[in-house]
PDB file of N, CA and C in Angstrom:
ATOM      1  N   MET A   1      11.359 -10.874   9.564  1.00  0.00           N
ATOM      2  CA  MET A   1      11.742  -9.513   8.951  1.00  0.00           C
ATOM      3  C   MET A   1      10.114  -8.638   8.917  1.00  0.00           C
ATOM      4  N   LYS A   2      10.373  -7.475   9.157  1.00  0.00           N
ATOM      5  CA  LYS A   2       9.106  -6.554   9.394  1.00  0.00           C
ATOM      6  C   LYS A   2       8.940  -6.239   7.963  1.00  0.00           C
ATOM      7  N   GLU A   3       7.645  -6.016   7.586  1.00  0.00           N
ATOM      8  CA  GLU A   3       7.100  -5.869   6.421  1.00  0.00           C
ATOM      9  C   GLU A   3       7.310  -4.342   5.980  1.00  0.00           C
ATOM     10  N   PHE A   4       7.113  -3.535   6.853  1.00  0.00           N
ATOM     11  CA  PHE A   4       7.229  -1.876   6.689  1.00  0.00           C
ATOM     12  C   PHE A   4       7.407  -1.140   7.843  1.00  0.00           C
ATOM     13  N   GLU A   5       7.685   0.047   7.983  1.00  0.00           N
ATOM     14  CA  GLU A   5       7.694   0.722   8.951  1.00  0.00           C
ATOM     15  C   GLU A   5       7.434   2.313   8.503  1.00  0.00           C
ATOM     16  N   ILE A   6       6.406   2.782   9.324  1.00  0.00           N
ATOM     17  CA  ILE A   6       6.036   4.199   8.994  1.00  0.00           C
ATOM     18  C   ILE A   6       7.087   5.202   9.599  1.00  0.00           C
ATOM     19  N   LEU A   7       7.436   6.147   8.723  1.00  0.00           N
ATOM     20  CA  LEU A   7       8.456   7.254   9.407  1.00  0.00           C
ATOM     21  C   LEU A   7       7.463   8.463   9.511  1.00  0.00           C
ATOM     22  N   GLU A   8       7.537   9.227  10.649  1.00  0.00           N
ATOM     23  CA  GLU A   8       6.824   9.996  11.050  1.00  0.00           C
ATOM     24  C   GLU A   8       7.691  11.453  11.112  1.00  0.00           C
ATOM     25  N   HIS A   9       7.069  12.325  10.648  1.00  0.00           N
ATOM     26  CA  HIS A   9       7.657  13.786  10.758  1.00  0.00           C
ATOM     27  C   HIS A   9       6.765  14.897  10.816  1.00  0.00           C
ATOM     28  N   THR A  10       7.250  15.978  11.371  1.00  0.00           N
ATOM     29  CA  THR A  10       6.513  17.100  11.758  1.00  0.00           C
ATOM     30  C   THR A  10       5.639  17.503  10.980  1.00  0.00           C
ATOM     31  N   ALA A  11       6.000  17.615   9.702  1.00  0.00           N
ATOM     32  CA  ALA A  11       5.023  17.992   8.415  1.00  0.00           C
ATOM     33  C   ALA A  11       4.810  16.967   7.546  1.00  0.00           C
ATOM     34  N   ASP A  12       5.144  15.735   7.620  1.00  0.00           N
ATOM     35  CA  ASP A  12       5.143  14.849   6.660  1.00  0.00           C
ATOM     36  C   ASP A  12       5.025  13.361   7.180  1.00  0.00           C
ATOM     37  N   ILE A  13       4.822  12.440   6.172  1.00  0.00           N
ATOM     38  CA  ILE A  13       4.834  11.223   6.737  1.00  0.00           C
ATOM     39  C   ILE A  13       5.453  10.273   5.783  1.00  0.00           C
ATOM     40  N   GLY A  14       6.224   9.266   6.110  1.00  0.00           N
ATOM     41  CA  GLY A  14       6.837   8.524   5.009  1.00  0.00           C
ATOM     42  C   GLY A  14       6.723   6.893   5.382  1.00  0.00           C
ATOM     43  N   MET A  15       7.329   6.123   4.563  1.00  0.00           N
ATOM     44  CA  MET A  15       7.109   4.728   5.050  1.00  0.00           C
ATOM     45  C   MET A  15       8.397   4.074   4.139  1.00  0.00           C
ATOM     46  N   ALA A  16       8.863   2.995   4.843  1.00  0.00           N
ATOM     47  CA  ALA A  16      10.011   2.297   4.223  1.00  0.00           C
ATOM     48  C   ALA A  16       9.378   0.648   4.240  1.00  0.00           C
ATOM     49  N   ALA A  17       9.467   0.105   3.064  1.00  0.00           N
ATOM     50  CA  ALA A  17       8.952  -1.333   2.831  1.00  0.00           C
ATOM     51  C   ALA A  17       9.956  -2.147   2.649  1.00  0.00           C
ATOM     52  N   TYR A  18       9.771  -3.466   2.994  1.00  0.00           N
ATOM     53  CA  TYR A  18      11.057  -4.287   3.128  1.00  0.00           C
ATOM     54  C   TYR A  18      10.490  -5.874   2.243  1.00  0.00           C
ATOM     55  N   GLY A  19      11.428  -6.567   1.878  1.00  0.00           N
ATOM     56  CA  GLY A  19      10.941  -7.845   1.530  1.00  0.00           C
ATOM     57  C   GLY A  19      12.114  -8.583   0.675  1.00  0.00           C
ATOM     58  N   LYS A  20      11.793  -9.746   0.682  1.00  0.00           N
ATOM     59  CA  LYS A  20      13.140 -10.895   0.115  1.00  0.00           C
ATOM     60  C   LYS A  20      13.111 -10.423  -1.437  1.00  0.00           C
ATOM     61  N   ASN A  21      12.157 -10.092  -2.329  1.00  0.00           N
ATOM     62  CA  ASN A  21      12.156  -9.689  -3.550  1.00  0.00           C
ATOM     63  C   ASN A  21      11.160  -8.596  -3.918  1.00  0.00           C
ATOM     64  N   LYS A  22      11.413  -8.086  -5.253  1.00  0.00           N
ATOM     65  CA  LYS A  22      10.578  -7.191  -5.618  1.00  0.00           C
ATOM     66  C   LYS A  22       9.011  -7.188  -5.387  1.00  0.00           C
ATOM     67  N   ARG A  23       8.518  -8.676  -5.606  1.00  0.00           N
ATOM     68  CA  ARG A  23       6.997  -8.805  -5.368  1.00  0.00           C
ATOM     69  C   ARG A  23       6.742  -8.596  -3.861  1.00  0.00           C
ATOM     70  N   GLU A  24       7.547  -9.047  -2.850  1.00  0.00           N
ATOM     71  CA  GLU A  24       7.260  -8.730  -1.563  1.00  0.00           C
ATOM     72  C   GLU A  24       7.339  -7.260  -0.984  1.00  0.00           C
ATOM     73  N   VAL A  25       8.190  -6.696  -1.875  1.00  0.00           N
ATOM     74  CA  VAL A  25       8.399  -5.276  -1.453  1.00  0.00           C
ATOM     75  C   VAL A  25       7.273  -4.381  -1.886  1.00  0.00           C
ATOM     76  N   PHE A  26       6.664  -4.671  -3.308  1.00  0.00           N
ATOM     77  CA  PHE A  26       5.694  -4.177  -3.713  1.00  0.00           C
ATOM     78  C   PHE A  26       4.416  -4.392  -2.872  1.00  0.00           C
ATOM     79  N   ILE A  27       4.099  -5.485  -2.528  1.00  0.00           N
ATOM     80  CA  ILE A  27       3.018  -5.964  -1.699  1.00  0.00           C
ATOM     81  C   ILE A  27       3.075  -5.148  -0.308  1.00  0.00           C
ATOM     82  N   ASN A  28       4.253  -5.400   0.304  1.00  0.00           N
ATOM     83  CA  ASN A  28       4.341  -4.591   1.704  1.00  0.00           C
ATOM     84  C   ASN A  28       4.332  -3.097   1.461  1.00  0.00           C
ATOM     85  N   THR A  29       4.586  -2.495   0.555  1.00  0.00           N
ATOM     86  CA  THR A  29       4.509  -1.054   0.094  1.00  0.00           C
ATOM     87  C   THR A  29       2.852  -0.782  -0.006  1.00  0.00           C
ATOM     88  N   ALA A  30       2.176  -1.490  -0.445  1.00  0.00           N
ATOM     89  CA  ALA A  30       0.616  -1.482  -0.571  1.00  0.00           C
ATOM     90  C   ALA A  30       0.131  -1.533   1.088  1.00  0.00           C
ATOM     91  N   ARG A  31       0.649  -2.532   1.398  1.00  0.00           N
ATOM     92  CA  ARG A  31       0.004  -2.623   3.106  1.00  0.00           C
ATOM     93  C   ARG A  31       0.346  -1.529   4.031  1.00  0.00           C
ATOM     94  N   GLY A  32       1.680  -0.968   3.772  1.00  0.00           N
ATOM     95  CA  GLY A  32       1.864   0.341   4.503  1.00  0.00           C
ATOM     96  C   GLY A  32       1.138   1.609   4.062  1.00  0.00           C
ATOM     97  N   MET A  33       0.973   1.678   2.787  1.00  0.00           N
ATOM     98  CA  MET A  33       0.328   2.562   2.185  1.00  0.00           C
ATOM     99  C   MET A  33      -1.263   2.883   2.808  1.00  0.00           C
ATOM    100  N   PHE A  34      -2.045   1.453   2.760  1.00  0.00           N
ATOM    101  CA  PHE A  34      -3.092   1.241   3.469  1.00  0.00           C
ATOM    102  C   PHE A  34      -3.303   1.656   4.878  1.00  0.00           C
ATOM    103  N   GLU A  35      -2.241   1.396   5.574  1.00  0.00           N
ATOM    104  CA  GLU A  35      -2.239   1.586   6.896  1.00  0.00           C
ATOM    105  C   GLU A  35      -2.090   3.021   7.253  1.00  0.00           C
ATOM    106  N   ILE A  36      -1.204   3.813   6.409  1.00  0.00           N
ATOM    107  CA  ILE A  36      -1.281   5.265   6.418  1.00  0.00           C
ATOM    108  C   ILE A  36      -2.578   5.847   6.082  1.00  0.00           C
ATOM    109  N   ILE A  37      -3.203   5.350   5.131  1.00  0.00           N
ATOM    110  CA  ILE A  37      -4.653   6.084   4.690  1.00  0.00           C
ATOM    111  C   ILE A  37      -5.833   5.669   5.734  1.00  0.00           C
ATOM    112  N   ALA A  38      -5.937   4.374   5.999  1.00  0.00           N
ATOM    113  CA  ALA A  38      -7.200   3.652   6.869  1.00  0.00           C
ATOM    114  C   ALA A  38      -6.767   3.591   8.048  1.00  0.00           C
ATOM    115  N   GLY A  39      -5.582   3.654   8.685  1.00  0.00           N
ATOM    116  CA  GLY A  39      -5.258   3.045   9.909  1.00  0.00           C
ATOM    117  C   GLY A  39      -4.968   1.536  10.193  1.00  0.00           C
ATOM    118  N   GLU A  40      -4.524   1.153  11.328  1.00  0.00           N
ATOM    119  CA  GLU A  40      -3.917  -0.298  11.369  1.00  0.00           C
ATOM    120  C   GLU A  40      -5.174  -1.035  11.677  1.00  0.00           C
ATOM    121  N   ASN A  41      -5.138  -2.170  10.752  1.00  0.00           N
ATOM    122  CA  ASN A  41      -6.281  -3.089  10.601  1.00  0.00           C
ATOM    123  C   ASN A  41      -5.544  -4.622  10.225  1.00  0.00           C
ATOM    124  N   LYS A  42      -5.542  -5.514  11.226  1.00  0.00           N
ATOM    125  CA  LYS A  42      -4.886  -6.493  11.212  1.00  0.00           C
ATOM    126  C   LYS A  42      -5.818  -7.738  10.395  1.00  0.00           C
ATOM    127  N   ASN A  43      -7.078  -7.456  10.368  1.00  0.00           N
ATOM    128  CA  ASN A  43      -8.001  -8.351   9.747  1.00  0.00           C
ATOM    129  C   ASN A  43      -8.284  -8.337   8.367  1.00  0.00           C
ATOM    130  N   LEU A  44      -7.408  -7.586   7.673  1.00  0.00           N
ATOM    131  CA  LEU A  44      -7.267  -7.885   6.029  1.00  0.00           C
ATOM    132  C   LEU A  44      -6.828  -8.984   5.578  1.00  0.00           C
ATOM    133  N   LYS A  45      -7.591  -9.412   4.479  1.00  0.00           N
ATOM    134  CA  LYS A  45      -7.459 -10.709   3.867  1.00  0.00           C
ATOM    135  C   LYS A  45      -6.311 -10.432   2.499  1.00  0.00           C
ATOM    136  N   ASP A  46      -5.249 -11.606   2.713  1.00  0.00           N
ATOM    137  CA  ASP A  46      -4.241 -11.042   1.391  1.00  0.00           C
ATOM    138  C   ASP A  46      -4.854 -11.333   0.091  1.00  0.00           C
ATOM    139  N   ASN A  47      -6.012 -12.154  -0.166  1.00  0.00           N
ATOM    140  CA  ASN A  47      -6.460 -12.366  -1.465  1.00  0.00           C
ATOM    141  C   ASN A  47      -7.535 -11.813  -1.675  1.00  0.00           C
ATOM    142  N   PHE A  48      -7.953 -10.591  -1.391  1.00  0.00           N
ATOM    143  CA  PHE A  48      -9.139  -9.759  -1.680  1.00  0.00           C
ATOM    144  C   PHE A  48      -8.944  -9.144  -3.099  1.00  0.00           C
ATOM    145  N   TYR A  49      -9.966  -9.512  -3.701  1.00  0.00           N
ATOM    146  CA  TYR A  49      -9.959  -8.957  -5.132  1.00  0.00           C
ATOM    147  C   TYR A  49     -11.259  -8.012  -5.410  1.00  0.00           C
ATOM    148  N   ASP A  50     -11.095  -7.179  -6.403  1.00  0.00           N
ATOM    149  CA  ASP A  50     -12.404  -6.402  -6.555  1.00  0.00           C
ATOM    150  C   ASP A  50     -12.227  -5.746  -8.034  1.00  0.00           C
ATOM    151  N   LYS A  51     -13.238  -6.004  -9.079  1.00  0.00           N
ATOM    152  CA  LYS A  51     -13.275  -5.563 -10.319  1.00  0.00           C
ATOM    153  C   LYS A  51     -13.442  -4.027 -10.479  1.00  0.00           C
ATOM    154  N   ILE A  52     -12.770  -2.978 -11.076  1.00  0.00           N
ATOM    155  CA  ILE A  52     -12.906  -1.687 -11.373  1.00  0.00           C
ATOM    156  C   ILE A  52     -12.935  -1.722 -12.662  1.00  0.00           C
ATOM    157  N   LYS A  53     -14.082  -1.055 -13.336  1.00  0.00           N
ATOM    158  CA  LYS A  53     -14.302  -0.673 -14.620  1.00  0.00           C
ATOM    159  C   LYS A  53     -14.036   0.707 -14.873  1.00  0.00           C
ATOM    160  N   LEU A  54     -13.153   1.385 -15.787  1.00  0.00           N
ATOM    161  CA  LEU A  54     -12.892   2.652 -15.980  1.00  0.00           C
ATOM    162  C   LEU A  54     -13.093   3.099 -17.407  1.00  0.00           C
ATOM    163  N   GLU A  55     -13.937   4.049 -17.800  1.00  0.00           N
ATOM    164  CA  GLU A  55     -14.127   4.470 -19.124  1.00  0.00           C
ATOM    165  C   GLU A  55     -13.892   5.715 -19.366  1.00  0.00           C
ATOM    166  N   ALA A  56     -13.030   6.246 -20.298  1.00  0.00           N
ATOM    167  CA  ALA A  56     -12.698   7.491 -20.845  1.00  0.00           C
ATOM    168  C   ALA A  56     -12.666   7.751 -22.354  1.00  0.00           C
ATOM    169  N   ASP A  57     -12.967   8.980 -22.769  1.00  0.00           N
ATOM    170  CA  ASP A  57     -12.616   9.206 -24.514  1.00  0.00           C
ATOM    171  C   ASP A  57     -11.318   9.264 -24.758  1.00  0.00           C
ATOM    172  N   ASN A  58     -10.186   9.445 -23.713  1.00  0.00           N
ATOM    173  CA  ASN A  58      -8.864   9.217 -24.091  1.00  0.00           C
ATOM    174  C   ASN A  58      -8.131   8.938 -22.704  1.00  0.00           C
ATOM    175  N   LEU A  59      -6.741   8.932 -22.867  1.00  0.00           N
ATOM    176  CA  LEU A  59      -5.754   8.535 -21.782  1.00  0.00           C
ATOM    177  C   LEU A  59      -5.709   9.537 -20.607  1.00  0.00           C
ATOM    178  N   GLU A  60      -6.227  10.699 -20.956  1.00  0.00           N
ATOM    179  CA  GLU A  60      -6.142  11.999 -19.999  1.00  0.00           C
ATOM    180  C   GLU A  60      -7.655  11.898 -19.290  1.00  0.00           C
ATOM    181  N   GLY A  61      -8.569  11.172 -19.619  1.00  0.00           N
ATOM    182  CA  GLY A  61      -9.851  11.009 -19.117  1.00  0.00           C
ATOM    183  C   GLY A  61     -10.565  11.765 -18.007  1.00  0.00           C
TER     184      GLY A  61
END
């Protein structure tokens, strides 16, 4: 089963993601979005993590 497909249009771009369950669909959606933004890269690690700390005075921050 393919993970996702890019749907191109003259004025826009879209993506369809696939998976056996919600978790797989969510992961494949992220992979597809990353490919749209950064281009195709088959050397990505599935278990890459990075910590991000955000601070704000309120939720609208």
